[in-house]
Protein backbone atom coordinates (compact mmCIF):
# COMPACT_ATOMS: atom_id res chain seq x y z
CA UNK A 1 -58.40 235.37 30.21
CA UNK A 2 -60.27 234.14 27.12
CA UNK A 3 -63.45 235.91 26.26
CA UNK A 4 -66.62 233.90 26.33
CA UNK A 5 -68.26 233.42 22.94
CA UNK A 6 -71.56 235.17 22.72
CA UNK A 7 -74.36 232.85 21.68
CA UNK A 8 -75.63 233.39 18.13
CA UNK A 9 -78.97 235.12 17.95
CA UNK A 10 -81.81 233.04 16.61
CA UNK A 11 -84.07 234.44 13.90
CA UNK A 12 -87.76 233.57 14.11
CA UNK A 13 -88.40 232.07 10.62
CA UNK A 14 -92.12 231.45 11.07
CA UNK A 15 -93.23 234.85 9.66
CA UNK A 16 -91.06 234.38 6.57
CA UNK A 17 -92.51 230.92 5.93
CA UNK A 18 -96.02 232.28 6.25
CA UNK A 19 -95.22 235.16 3.87
CA UNK A 20 -93.71 232.75 1.31
CA UNK A 21 -96.74 230.47 1.60
CA UNK A 22 -99.07 233.46 1.11
CA UNK A 23 -97.16 234.56 -2.02
CA UNK A 24 -97.29 231.04 -3.44
CA UNK A 25 -101.04 230.77 -2.88
CA UNK A 26 -101.68 234.16 -4.47
CA UNK A 27 -99.44 233.24 -7.42
CA UNK A 28 -101.25 229.97 -8.00
CA UNK A 29 -104.62 231.68 -7.83
CA UNK A 30 -103.47 234.33 -10.30
CA UNK A 31 -102.19 231.67 -12.70
CA UNK A 32 -105.47 229.78 -12.43
CA UNK A 33 -107.56 232.85 -13.14
CA UNK A 34 -105.54 234.04 -16.13
CA UNK A 35 -103.78 231.05 -17.61
CA UNK A 36 -105.59 227.86 -16.67
CA UNK A 37 -107.35 225.69 -19.24
CA UNK A 38 -110.69 226.50 -17.66
CA UNK A 39 -110.70 229.79 -19.59
CA UNK A 40 -113.84 230.13 -21.66
CA UNK A 41 -113.71 231.03 -25.36
CA UNK A 42 -113.35 234.75 -25.95
CA UNK A 43 -115.31 236.45 -28.70
CA UNK A 44 -114.01 239.47 -30.56
CA UNK A 45 -115.25 241.41 -33.53
CA UNK A 46 -113.13 241.17 -36.65
CA UNK A 47 -112.69 244.06 -39.04
CA UNK A 48 -115.27 242.44 -41.29
CA UNK A 49 -117.87 242.33 -38.53
CA UNK A 50 -117.73 238.53 -38.26
CA UNK A 51 -117.60 237.12 -34.75
CA UNK A 52 -114.26 235.38 -34.27
CA UNK A 53 -114.09 232.72 -31.57
CA UNK A 54 -110.79 232.00 -29.85
CA UNK A 55 -109.89 229.68 -27.01
CA UNK A 56 -111.04 226.13 -26.39
CA UNK A 57 -114.71 225.36 -25.72
CA UNK A 58 -115.48 223.66 -22.42
CA UNK A 59 -117.30 220.89 -24.27
CA UNK A 60 -114.09 219.91 -26.07
CA UNK A 61 -111.98 219.41 -22.97
CA UNK A 62 -111.08 216.12 -21.40
CA UNK A 63 -111.24 215.67 -17.65
CA UNK A 64 -107.60 214.69 -17.24
CA UNK A 65 -107.90 214.07 -13.49
CA UNK A 66 -110.79 211.68 -14.03
CA UNK A 67 -108.79 209.94 -16.74
CA UNK A 68 -105.94 209.39 -14.30
CA UNK A 69 -108.26 208.09 -11.58
CA UNK A 70 -109.75 205.52 -13.93
CA UNK A 71 -106.55 204.61 -15.76
CA UNK A 72 -106.40 201.12 -14.28
CA UNK A 73 -109.85 200.31 -15.63
CA UNK A 74 -109.42 201.70 -19.14
CA UNK A 75 -108.34 199.82 -22.22
CA UNK A 76 -107.83 200.61 -25.89
CA UNK A 77 -111.58 200.64 -26.51
CA UNK A 78 -112.27 203.54 -24.14
CA UNK A 79 -114.02 206.40 -25.92
CA UNK A 80 -114.70 209.00 -23.23
CA UNK A 81 -118.17 207.76 -22.45
CA UNK A 82 -119.56 207.44 -25.98
CA UNK A 83 -119.35 203.68 -25.56
CA UNK A 84 -120.79 202.41 -22.28
CA UNK A 85 -119.14 199.61 -20.28
CA UNK A 86 -121.65 197.12 -21.74
CA UNK A 87 -120.59 198.07 -25.27
CA UNK A 88 -123.71 200.04 -26.20
CA UNK A 89 -123.58 203.58 -27.61
CA UNK A 90 -124.61 206.51 -25.43
CA UNK A 91 -126.81 208.18 -28.04
CA UNK A 92 -126.66 211.55 -26.27
CA UNK A 93 -122.91 211.94 -26.97
CA UNK A 94 -122.41 211.04 -30.63
CA UNK A 95 -120.15 213.53 -32.48
CA UNK A 96 -121.91 215.24 -35.41
CA UNK A 97 -119.55 217.07 -37.76
CA UNK A 98 -120.34 219.00 -40.91
CA UNK A 99 -118.29 220.09 -43.90
CA UNK A 100 -118.82 222.32 -46.91
CA UNK A 101 -118.07 221.57 -50.59
CA UNK A 102 -114.40 220.97 -51.33
CA UNK A 103 -111.84 223.01 -53.28
CA UNK A 104 -109.83 221.56 -56.17
CA UNK A 105 -107.39 224.31 -57.17
CA UNK A 106 -105.79 227.55 -56.02
CA UNK A 107 -108.36 229.88 -57.65
CA UNK A 108 -110.36 229.75 -54.42
CA UNK A 109 -107.47 231.52 -52.65
CA UNK A 110 -106.62 233.97 -55.43
CA UNK A 111 -108.10 237.50 -55.44
CA UNK A 112 -107.55 237.59 -59.21
CA UNK A 113 -110.43 235.11 -59.55
CA UNK A 114 -112.71 236.22 -56.74
CA UNK A 115 -113.12 238.92 -54.11
CA UNK A 116 -110.95 239.27 -51.03
CA UNK A 117 -113.97 238.57 -48.82
CA UNK A 118 -114.72 235.38 -50.74
CA UNK A 119 -111.11 234.24 -50.31
CA UNK A 120 -111.59 234.59 -46.55
CA UNK A 121 -114.76 232.48 -46.75
CA UNK A 122 -113.04 229.79 -48.84
CA UNK A 123 -110.05 229.81 -46.54
CA UNK A 124 -112.15 229.54 -43.39
CA UNK A 125 -114.90 227.11 -44.37
CA UNK A 126 -113.81 224.84 -47.21
CA UNK A 127 -111.23 222.08 -47.23
CA UNK A 128 -109.44 221.01 -50.36
CA UNK A 129 -110.05 217.52 -51.72
CA UNK A 130 -106.61 216.41 -50.54
CA UNK A 131 -107.17 217.79 -47.04
CA UNK A 132 -110.50 215.95 -46.81
CA UNK A 133 -108.81 212.69 -47.80
CA UNK A 134 -106.34 213.20 -44.95
CA UNK A 135 -109.19 213.88 -42.52
CA UNK A 136 -110.97 210.68 -43.54
CA UNK A 137 -107.79 208.71 -42.97
CA UNK A 138 -107.35 210.30 -39.55
CA UNK A 139 -110.95 209.56 -38.57
CA UNK A 140 -110.60 205.96 -39.69
CA UNK A 141 -107.31 205.53 -37.84
CA UNK A 142 -109.09 206.80 -34.72
CA UNK A 143 -111.70 204.00 -35.16
CA UNK A 144 -114.66 206.16 -36.11
CA UNK A 145 -117.54 204.68 -38.04
CA UNK A 146 -120.27 206.60 -39.86
CA UNK A 147 -123.79 206.25 -38.49
CA UNK A 148 -127.04 207.97 -39.38
CA UNK A 149 -128.89 210.21 -36.97
CA UNK A 150 -131.87 207.88 -37.29
CA UNK A 151 -129.67 204.96 -36.19
CA UNK A 152 -129.74 206.50 -32.70
CA UNK A 153 -133.49 206.07 -32.24
CA UNK A 154 -136.42 203.71 -32.43
CA UNK A 155 -139.16 205.28 -34.51
CA UNK A 156 -142.68 203.94 -34.10
CA UNK A 157 -146.23 205.13 -34.63
CA UNK A 158 -147.77 206.80 -31.60
CA UNK A 159 -151.28 205.85 -30.43
CA UNK A 160 -152.59 209.08 -31.94
CA UNK A 161 -151.19 208.26 -35.35
CA UNK A 162 -148.09 210.48 -35.13
CA UNK A 163 -144.42 209.54 -34.80
CA UNK A 164 -142.99 208.33 -31.50
CA UNK A 165 -139.22 208.77 -31.05
CA UNK A 166 -137.37 206.71 -28.44
CA UNK A 167 -133.57 206.90 -27.96
CA UNK A 168 -131.96 203.52 -28.52
CA UNK A 169 -130.38 201.75 -25.59
CA UNK A 170 -129.15 198.75 -27.58
CA UNK A 171 -127.08 200.32 -30.38
CA UNK A 172 -123.80 198.45 -30.66
CA UNK A 173 -120.98 198.92 -33.14
CA UNK A 174 -118.23 196.44 -33.94
CA UNK A 175 -115.76 196.16 -31.09
CA UNK A 176 -113.43 199.15 -30.84
CA UNK A 177 -115.49 201.38 -33.15
CA UNK A 178 -116.92 204.80 -32.26
CA UNK A 179 -119.93 206.49 -33.90
CA UNK A 180 -119.71 209.62 -36.04
CA UNK A 181 -122.42 211.52 -37.91
CA UNK A 182 -121.18 213.49 -40.92
CA UNK A 183 -123.11 216.07 -42.94
CA UNK A 184 -122.13 218.03 -46.03
CA UNK A 185 -123.93 221.36 -46.35
CA UNK A 186 -124.83 223.18 -49.57
CA UNK A 187 -124.45 220.33 -52.02
CA UNK A 188 -126.14 222.66 -54.49
CA UNK A 189 -123.03 224.15 -56.14
CA UNK A 190 -124.28 227.71 -55.93
CA UNK A 191 -123.41 230.36 -58.49
CA UNK A 192 -121.23 232.06 -55.87
CA UNK A 193 -118.69 229.21 -56.11
CA UNK A 194 -118.39 229.20 -59.90
CA UNK A 195 -114.97 229.58 -61.54
CA UNK A 196 -112.99 229.25 -58.34
CA UNK A 197 -112.01 225.60 -58.14
CA UNK A 198 -115.18 223.89 -56.89
CA UNK A 199 -117.04 221.07 -58.58
CA UNK A 200 -119.98 222.26 -60.65
CA UNK A 201 -122.34 219.30 -60.36
CA UNK A 202 -122.82 215.65 -59.41
CA UNK A 203 -123.40 213.11 -62.17
CA UNK A 204 -123.88 209.36 -62.51
CA UNK A 205 -121.32 207.55 -64.69
CA UNK A 206 -121.27 203.77 -65.08
CA UNK A 207 -123.38 203.42 -61.96
CA UNK A 208 -121.04 205.56 -59.84
CA UNK A 209 -121.52 209.08 -58.49
CA UNK A 210 -118.89 211.48 -59.76
CA UNK A 211 -118.39 215.24 -60.09
CA UNK A 212 -117.98 217.58 -63.01
CA UNK A 213 -115.17 220.08 -62.46
CA UNK A 214 -113.90 222.75 -64.83
CA UNK A 215 -110.25 223.61 -64.24
CA UNK A 216 -108.53 226.99 -64.66
CA UNK A 217 -107.89 226.26 -68.35
CA UNK A 218 -111.59 225.70 -68.98
CA UNK A 219 -111.20 221.94 -69.39
CA UNK A 220 -114.13 219.91 -68.07
CA UNK A 221 -113.15 216.89 -66.02
CA UNK A 222 -115.12 214.09 -64.41
CA UNK A 223 -113.92 212.46 -61.22
CA UNK A 224 -113.68 212.65 -57.43
CA UNK A 225 -113.89 216.42 -57.05
CA UNK A 226 -116.09 216.67 -53.95
CA UNK A 227 -116.88 214.75 -50.76
CA UNK A 228 -119.42 212.23 -52.09
CA UNK A 229 -117.24 210.42 -54.66
CA UNK A 230 -114.22 210.69 -52.35
CA UNK A 231 -116.20 209.08 -49.53
CA UNK A 232 -117.50 206.37 -51.87
CA UNK A 233 -113.98 205.44 -52.92
CA UNK A 234 -112.85 205.51 -49.27
CA UNK A 235 -115.62 203.15 -48.15
CA UNK A 236 -114.79 200.79 -51.03
CA UNK A 237 -111.33 200.47 -49.46
CA UNK A 238 -112.56 200.54 -45.85
CA UNK A 239 -116.10 199.16 -45.67
CA UNK A 240 -115.90 199.10 -41.86
CA UNK A 241 -116.00 202.92 -41.90
CA UNK A 242 -119.76 202.62 -42.47
CA UNK A 243 -122.32 201.16 -40.06
CA UNK A 244 -124.88 199.15 -42.04
CA UNK A 245 -124.31 201.22 -45.19
CA UNK A 246 -124.44 204.66 -43.53
CA UNK A 247 -123.18 207.64 -45.50
CA UNK A 248 -123.37 211.42 -45.06
CA UNK A 249 -126.50 213.51 -44.82
CA UNK A 250 -126.56 216.12 -47.60
CA UNK A 251 -128.13 219.38 -46.38
CA UNK A 252 -129.68 221.27 -49.28
CA UNK A 253 -130.99 224.72 -49.98
CA UNK A 254 -133.04 225.25 -53.15
CA UNK A 255 -132.69 228.76 -54.54
CA UNK A 256 -129.99 227.77 -57.07
CA UNK A 257 -131.30 224.25 -57.59
CA UNK A 258 -129.72 221.04 -56.25
CA UNK A 259 -126.61 219.01 -57.04
CA UNK A 260 -125.52 221.65 -59.58
CA UNK A 261 -128.72 221.46 -61.64
CA UNK A 262 -130.76 224.63 -62.03
CA UNK A 263 -134.02 223.11 -60.91
CA UNK A 264 -135.58 226.02 -59.04
CA UNK A 265 -138.80 227.26 -60.62
CA UNK A 266 -137.29 230.72 -61.28
CA UNK A 267 -135.03 229.26 -63.99
CA UNK A 268 -138.14 228.10 -65.83
CA UNK A 269 -140.45 231.06 -65.23
CA UNK A 270 -137.85 233.83 -65.26
CA UNK A 271 -139.58 235.42 -62.26
CA UNK A 272 -137.57 236.87 -59.39
CA UNK A 273 -134.18 236.04 -60.87
CA UNK A 274 -131.07 237.37 -59.16
CA UNK A 275 -128.31 238.94 -61.22
CA UNK A 276 -126.16 235.83 -60.81
CA UNK A 277 -129.00 233.69 -62.17
CA UNK A 278 -129.52 236.04 -65.09
CA UNK A 279 -125.80 235.95 -65.86
CA UNK A 280 -125.75 232.16 -65.73
CA UNK A 281 -128.74 231.85 -68.07
CA UNK A 282 -127.17 234.24 -70.56
CA UNK A 283 -123.95 232.20 -70.49
CA UNK A 284 -125.89 228.95 -71.04
CA UNK A 285 -128.35 229.63 -73.87
CA UNK A 286 -128.91 225.90 -74.44
CA UNK A 287 -130.18 225.36 -70.89
CA UNK A 288 -133.13 222.97 -70.74
CA UNK A 289 -135.05 223.08 -67.47
CA UNK A 290 -136.80 219.72 -67.86
CA UNK A 291 -133.51 218.05 -68.72
CA UNK A 292 -131.85 219.47 -65.60
CA UNK A 293 -134.74 218.25 -63.43
CA UNK A 294 -134.47 214.76 -64.94
CA UNK A 295 -130.70 214.65 -64.37
CA UNK A 296 -131.08 215.88 -60.80
CA UNK A 297 -133.62 213.14 -60.09
CA UNK A 298 -131.20 210.54 -61.45
CA UNK A 299 -128.48 211.82 -59.11
CA UNK A 300 -130.87 211.89 -56.14
CA UNK A 301 -131.90 208.28 -56.71
CA UNK A 302 -128.27 207.18 -57.01
CA UNK A 303 -127.42 208.96 -53.76
CA UNK A 304 -130.35 207.39 -51.92
CA UNK A 305 -129.43 203.96 -53.25
CA UNK A 306 -125.85 204.44 -52.03
CA UNK A 307 -127.06 205.25 -48.51
CA UNK A 308 -127.03 209.06 -48.46
CA UNK A 309 -129.86 211.01 -46.86
CA UNK A 310 -131.15 214.50 -47.54
CA UNK A 311 -131.98 217.35 -45.20
CA UNK A 312 -133.88 220.57 -45.69
CA UNK A 313 -131.55 223.51 -44.94
CA UNK A 314 -134.38 225.88 -45.89
CA UNK A 315 -134.93 226.80 -49.53
CA UNK A 316 -133.36 230.23 -49.01
CA UNK A 317 -130.66 229.43 -46.40
CA UNK A 318 -132.68 231.32 -43.81
CA UNK A 319 -131.87 232.04 -40.17
CA UNK A 320 -134.79 230.22 -38.58
CA UNK A 321 -134.50 231.85 -35.19
CA UNK A 322 -135.16 235.34 -36.52
CA UNK A 323 -137.49 234.36 -39.37
CA UNK A 324 -141.21 234.70 -38.76
CA UNK A 325 -143.44 231.67 -38.99
CA UNK A 326 -145.03 233.21 -42.09
CA UNK A 327 -141.60 233.53 -43.74
CA UNK A 328 -140.79 229.91 -42.92
CA UNK A 329 -144.08 228.74 -44.41
CA UNK A 330 -143.35 230.62 -47.65
CA UNK A 331 -139.88 229.11 -47.70
CA UNK A 332 -141.32 225.62 -47.16
CA UNK A 333 -143.68 226.02 -50.09
CA UNK A 334 -140.72 226.89 -52.33
CA UNK A 335 -138.91 223.79 -51.05
CA UNK A 336 -141.92 221.61 -51.85
CA UNK A 337 -142.23 223.10 -55.32
CA UNK A 338 -138.60 222.89 -56.45
CA UNK A 339 -136.69 220.48 -54.19
CA UNK A 340 -139.04 217.81 -52.86
CA UNK A 341 -140.03 216.56 -56.35
CA UNK A 342 -136.33 215.70 -56.83
CA UNK A 343 -135.28 214.42 -53.40
CA UNK A 344 -138.58 212.95 -52.31
CA UNK A 345 -139.99 213.71 -48.86
CA UNK A 346 -137.41 214.36 -46.15
CA UNK A 347 -137.84 214.35 -42.38
CA UNK A 348 -134.59 216.07 -41.36
CA UNK A 349 -134.20 219.83 -40.96
CA UNK A 350 -130.82 221.58 -40.64
CA UNK A 351 -130.90 225.00 -39.01
CA UNK A 352 -128.10 227.05 -40.55
CA UNK A 353 -125.95 229.83 -39.06
CA UNK A 354 -125.93 228.40 -35.51
CA UNK A 355 -129.62 229.23 -35.27
CA UNK A 356 -132.46 227.28 -33.70
CA UNK A 357 -136.18 227.59 -33.07
CA UNK A 358 -135.79 227.26 -29.29
CA UNK A 359 -133.71 229.22 -26.80
CA UNK A 360 -133.03 226.07 -24.80
CA UNK A 361 -130.84 223.56 -26.69
CA UNK A 362 -132.71 220.39 -27.54
CA UNK A 363 -136.00 221.39 -25.93
CA UNK A 364 -139.02 221.95 -28.17
CA UNK A 365 -142.29 222.54 -26.35
CA UNK A 366 -145.74 221.99 -27.83
CA UNK A 367 -146.32 225.73 -27.37
CA UNK A 368 -143.56 226.42 -29.93
CA UNK A 369 -145.41 227.38 -33.14
CA UNK A 370 -142.41 226.81 -35.42
CA UNK A 371 -141.81 223.37 -33.94
CA UNK A 372 -145.47 222.44 -34.32
CA UNK A 373 -145.40 223.59 -37.93
CA UNK A 374 -142.31 221.58 -38.81
CA UNK A 375 -143.59 218.41 -37.15
CA UNK A 376 -146.93 218.83 -38.92
CA UNK A 377 -144.93 218.97 -42.16
CA UNK A 378 -143.29 215.63 -41.31
CA UNK A 379 -139.97 216.75 -39.78
CA UNK A 380 -138.73 214.84 -36.74
CA UNK A 381 -134.93 215.16 -36.94
CA UNK A 382 -133.57 218.63 -36.17
CA UNK A 383 -129.94 219.75 -36.36
CA UNK A 384 -128.33 223.02 -35.39
CA UNK A 385 -124.72 224.14 -35.05
CA UNK A 386 -122.53 225.59 -32.33
CA UNK A 387 -118.96 226.88 -32.06
CA UNK A 388 -118.68 225.47 -28.53
CA UNK A 389 -120.68 222.21 -28.32
CA UNK A 390 -119.22 218.89 -29.34
CA UNK A 391 -121.21 215.65 -29.43
CA UNK A 392 -124.68 216.33 -28.01
CA UNK A 393 -128.10 214.84 -28.81
CA UNK A 394 -131.46 215.31 -27.12
CA UNK A 395 -134.77 213.53 -27.54
CA UNK A 396 -138.44 214.39 -27.25
CA UNK A 397 -141.46 212.19 -27.73
CA UNK A 398 -141.69 213.15 -31.41
CA UNK A 399 -138.23 214.42 -32.32
CA UNK A 400 -134.46 214.02 -32.18
CA UNK A 401 -132.14 217.03 -31.87
CA UNK A 402 -128.44 216.98 -32.71
CA UNK A 403 -125.87 219.76 -32.27
CA UNK A 404 -123.34 219.83 -35.09
CA UNK A 405 -119.76 221.12 -35.02
CA UNK A 406 -118.11 222.53 -38.11
CA UNK A 407 -115.20 220.47 -39.39
CA UNK A 408 -113.79 223.56 -41.11
CA UNK A 409 -110.27 224.88 -41.71
CA UNK A 410 -110.88 227.68 -39.21
CA UNK A 411 -112.03 225.37 -36.42
CA UNK A 412 -109.37 222.72 -36.98
CA UNK A 413 -106.67 225.39 -37.24
CA UNK A 414 -107.75 227.21 -34.07
CA UNK A 415 -108.02 224.11 -31.93
CA UNK A 416 -104.86 222.68 -33.46
CA UNK A 417 -103.00 225.81 -32.28
CA UNK A 418 -104.27 225.25 -28.74
CA UNK A 419 -102.50 223.11 -26.20
CA UNK A 420 -102.43 219.50 -27.48
CA UNK A 421 -104.34 218.25 -24.43
CA UNK A 422 -107.26 220.56 -25.13
CA UNK A 423 -107.59 220.68 -28.90
CA UNK A 424 -110.57 219.40 -30.86
CA UNK A 425 -108.24 216.88 -32.48
CA UNK A 426 -107.54 215.49 -29.03
CA UNK A 427 -111.24 215.51 -28.16
CA UNK A 428 -111.83 213.44 -31.28
CA UNK A 429 -108.96 211.16 -30.34
CA UNK A 430 -106.94 212.27 -33.37
CA UNK A 431 -103.33 213.28 -33.70
CA UNK A 432 -102.53 216.96 -34.16
CA UNK A 433 -103.12 218.13 -37.72
CA UNK A 434 -100.38 220.74 -38.05
CA UNK A 435 -98.71 220.94 -41.44
CA UNK A 436 -101.36 219.20 -43.50
CA UNK A 437 -102.98 222.33 -44.93
CA UNK A 438 -102.72 223.02 -48.64
CA UNK A 439 -99.77 225.30 -49.43
CA UNK A 440 -101.99 227.54 -51.61
CA UNK A 441 -104.03 228.76 -48.66
CA UNK A 442 -103.79 232.52 -48.18
CA UNK A 443 -105.67 235.21 -46.35
CA UNK A 444 -107.37 235.43 -43.00
CA UNK A 445 -109.31 232.81 -41.08
CA UNK A 446 -112.54 233.83 -39.35
CA UNK A 447 -115.36 231.97 -37.66
CA UNK A 448 -118.32 231.75 -40.04
CA UNK A 449 -121.48 229.86 -39.08
């Protein structure tokens, strides 16, 4: 008699499914916490004591989900909200980038010509002339157009006789163009950059602004050896890179003079000279103070005529947030004595080293003594810097505030090494920049404000 087959036992799979689902949820949460793109920049101390910033700032990230949701409505002119649907510029979102003077040869990266620490500074902060030319091309290809900070506002006289600032609602650029503010800091050609591949001064030749540069062999050359003449030549080829003649703002200190001319009063009086100033004077026995002042004024007038603007970066490159009001007043008097006679009056103030005179970005109250002092002195355009903020302006009744982002080798390199979807190059709408760096670059990269 055949045996009956025993029925197969059934396993209850529900608990296993629940366990698998639990593991998946925990895994996704762990990935989100430790690996997602919402990670904030981490700050670590380098061996030199400089704060190094790694990671991608929140302000640089695109909202990819929002981009997908609106994909049917977007076209080639979309610019992530900088340009409104009616074609006007949102003047609270205009990118403001700054650069430092440019490098022309490998001495800047060679410890045989300068200190190891200075090589790190050059490597981190200063592009070469060729790299800057590439950056301009990339910005132009991405449809950026230079504007001035003052282009973003309507400036009128208030009923009390002061200045009334109103953000513009009607600013329009040519179709497809996006606004960009560009500043070059320290167009003074300080003694600390001598004999390491930088230009030494700006000059006017045949009506054009050029640079003097002394190469490693000691040969003096005249040409496009810093950002101003390079930008001038670029705009000659691409006039639509400039909105109504806009150029860069040149942020100046004063303690070594301006534009490469030794125009500070100390060079004339001999009082309070630093060792570098003493060394320079001994190496240039034919120095004529009045002649340098006259030449600097000629350069300043040529720059103004070309569309450049000047900003006060403090005479002594001070950190305004930690400086006392008394210190800032002394600094301002030095600016008025040695810089203002050359540049003329300026109304733009650049706060260096990521500093500001308010703890709340863009908000200056009438109880702020430093703010009151600066506005009394005729300043109504204020700029600071940040390693994490990209494209941000704020407005008060008597001022405009703009947060700048350093277009430096360190910043471009760090964000370029990030995921393509979250890099600063992507936030700017540019292609990745890998491989364009000068082959002579050596040494470490650190964040320097």
